[in-house]
Structures are given as structure tokens and as C-alpha cells.
Protein backbone atom coordinates (compact mmCIF):
# COMPACT_ATOMS: atom_id res chain seq x y z
CA MET A 1 -13.30 27.78 3.64
CA ASN A 2 -10.68 30.28 3.91
CA ALA A 3 -6.66 29.35 4.34
CA ILE A 4 -7.49 30.51 8.14
CA SER A 5 -9.97 28.20 8.62
CA LEU A 6 -8.71 25.42 6.99
CA ASN A 7 -5.54 26.18 9.53
CA ASN A 8 -7.63 26.58 12.23
CA LEU A 9 -8.98 22.71 11.63
CA TRP A 10 -5.91 21.32 10.85
CA SER A 11 -4.16 23.19 14.54
CA TYR A 12 -7.52 21.39 16.14
CA LEU A 13 -6.43 17.44 14.62
CA GLN A 14 -2.73 17.84 15.19
CA GLY A 15 -4.26 18.56 18.38
CA LEU A 16 -6.33 15.09 19.10
CA THR A 17 -4.30 12.26 20.49
CA LEU A 18 -5.17 10.11 16.99
CA THR A 19 -3.32 7.19 16.64
CA ALA A 20 -1.72 5.56 13.06
CA SER A 21 -4.80 3.95 12.11
CA ASN A 22 -7.35 6.89 13.41
CA LYS A 23 -5.61 9.02 11.15
CA ARG A 24 -5.49 6.54 8.16
CA TRP A 25 -9.47 5.89 8.52
CA LEU A 26 -9.53 9.84 8.27
CA ALA A 27 -7.21 10.56 5.08
CA ASP A 28 -9.40 8.14 4.06
CA HIS A 29 -12.62 9.13 4.48
CA LEU A 30 -11.84 12.77 3.13
CA TYR A 31 -9.51 11.34 0.01
CA GLU A 32 -13.24 8.82 -0.88
CA SER A 33 -14.77 12.94 0.22
CA ALA A 34 -13.16 14.46 -2.65
CA LYS A 35 -12.85 11.84 -5.08
CA ALA A 36 -16.76 11.54 -4.61
CA GLU A 37 -17.24 15.67 -5.04
CA GLU A 38 -14.18 14.79 -8.86
CA LYS A 39 -15.55 13.45 -12.29
CA PRO A 40 -16.98 9.56 -12.07
CA GLN A 41 -14.09 6.96 -12.19
CA THR A 42 -13.81 5.13 -15.23
CA HIS A 43 -13.22 0.94 -14.18
CA GLU A 44 -9.78 0.94 -14.77
CA GLU A 45 -9.60 3.10 -11.88
CA LYS A 46 -11.64 2.14 -10.00
CA LEU A 47 -10.08 -1.33 -10.12
CA ALA A 48 -6.46 1.14 -9.65
CA ASP A 49 -7.65 2.75 -6.51
CA ALA A 50 -8.62 -1.25 -4.69
CA ALA A 51 -4.97 -2.36 -5.81
CA ARG A 52 -3.38 0.69 -4.03
CA ILE A 53 -5.35 0.55 -1.10
CA ARG A 54 -5.06 -3.85 -1.37
CA LYS A 55 -1.00 -3.10 -1.57
CA GLU A 56 -1.01 -0.84 1.75
CA LYS A 57 -3.23 -2.93 3.83
CA GLU A 58 -0.85 -5.51 2.81
CA LYS A 59 2.40 -3.43 3.44
CA ALA A 60 0.64 -2.30 7.00
CA LEU A 61 -0.07 -6.10 7.74
CA TRP A 62 3.41 -7.04 6.87
CA ALA A 63 5.19 -3.91 8.95
CA ASP A 64 6.08 -5.84 12.26
CA VAL A 65 7.01 -9.01 10.52
CA PRO A 66 10.99 -8.74 10.67
CA ARG A 67 12.99 -9.32 7.27
CA MET A 68 15.02 -12.65 8.11
CA ASN A 69 18.31 -13.29 6.20
CA LYS A 70 20.65 -16.31 5.30
CA GLU A 71 22.15 -16.93 8.13
CA ASP A 72 18.40 -16.57 10.52
CA LEU A 73 17.41 -19.18 8.63
CA LYS A 74 18.36 -23.22 8.67
CA ILE A 75 18.85 -24.37 5.35
CA SER A 76 19.77 -27.89 4.89
CA PRO A 77 22.36 -28.26 2.06
CA TRP A 78 20.98 -29.50 -0.95
CA VAL A 79 17.84 -27.07 -0.39
CA GLU A 80 20.68 -24.61 -0.68
CA GLU A 81 21.97 -25.48 -3.77
CA ILE A 82 18.24 -25.27 -5.60
CA VAL A 83 18.20 -22.11 -3.98
CA LYS A 84 22.26 -20.39 -3.93
CA ASP A 85 21.35 -18.85 -6.88
CA VAL A 86 18.09 -16.80 -7.07
CA GLU A 87 17.88 -13.65 -6.29
CA PRO A 88 15.48 -11.73 -3.31
CA MET A 89 13.17 -9.39 -5.54
CA PRO A 90 13.69 -5.93 -4.93
CA ASP A 91 11.12 -3.58 -2.89
CA ASP A 92 10.27 -1.95 -4.94
CA VAL A 93 9.08 -3.89 -7.32
CA ASP A 94 5.11 -3.65 -7.87
CA ILE A 95 3.43 -6.94 -8.01
CA GLU A 96 -0.36 -5.35 -8.04
CA GLN A 97 0.57 -3.75 -11.44
CA MET A 98 2.62 -6.94 -12.55
CA LYS A 99 -0.49 -9.24 -12.31
CA TYR A 100 -2.65 -6.11 -14.07
CA GLU A 101 -0.08 -5.17 -16.61
CA TYR A 102 0.26 -9.86 -17.06
CA LEU A 103 -4.08 -10.05 -16.98
CA MET A 104 -4.87 -6.69 -19.63
CA LYS A 105 -2.61 -8.76 -21.98
CA LYS A 106 -3.19 -12.04 -21.83
CA TYR A 107 -7.89 -10.74 -21.41
CA GLY A 108 -7.85 -7.43 -21.73
């Protein structure tokens, strides 16, 4: 398609009343279609894509859950003493990548 056709298609899509899940569905199908036209994926790439999709779905599921503060919880003093030095895991930690690296080191 030429640039004008693509711009017209984009304008048409923007004119539609799509929900976030509709947009995600469209994006996933376009992405998968484009990937099918590219070189075949290796096993590791398939695993990485599956992990990425799972992570996105989990993030979407947890997006509506409010983050709680220490003040929101009623913790007994002895439990508070046990966990006083525990720091929350940063948001930018990629758990799936850590799991993958651990498994590859152990079994790979």
C-alpha cells in the first residue's frame, strides 16, 4: 500500500469507536500477521513472545487493583518486626526474564 492509502486506513480506524480491548485485538492480529510474513521464529523467540503476551495480560489484569500503602494494612507488631527490612520489588524488574535466565542456567 502506498502512504496515502495507509493514511486513509488510519483515518478510518480512528473514526471507529473501538474499546481498548478492540484496539489490542486489532494490534495483536496485525502483529501476528506481520510476524507470519517474516522469517520463522526460533524456539527461544516463541517463548519470549509468549512471555511478553502473558506479561501484558497480567499487567492489564492488575491495572485496576489499587496499590496499597503500609498505612492501609493492619499488621500485628510481631509481623511488622519480621518484615521491617523488606523492600518492595521495583516495578521495572522483569520477573519473566529472571525466571527464563534461571531456568536456562539450571537446565539449558
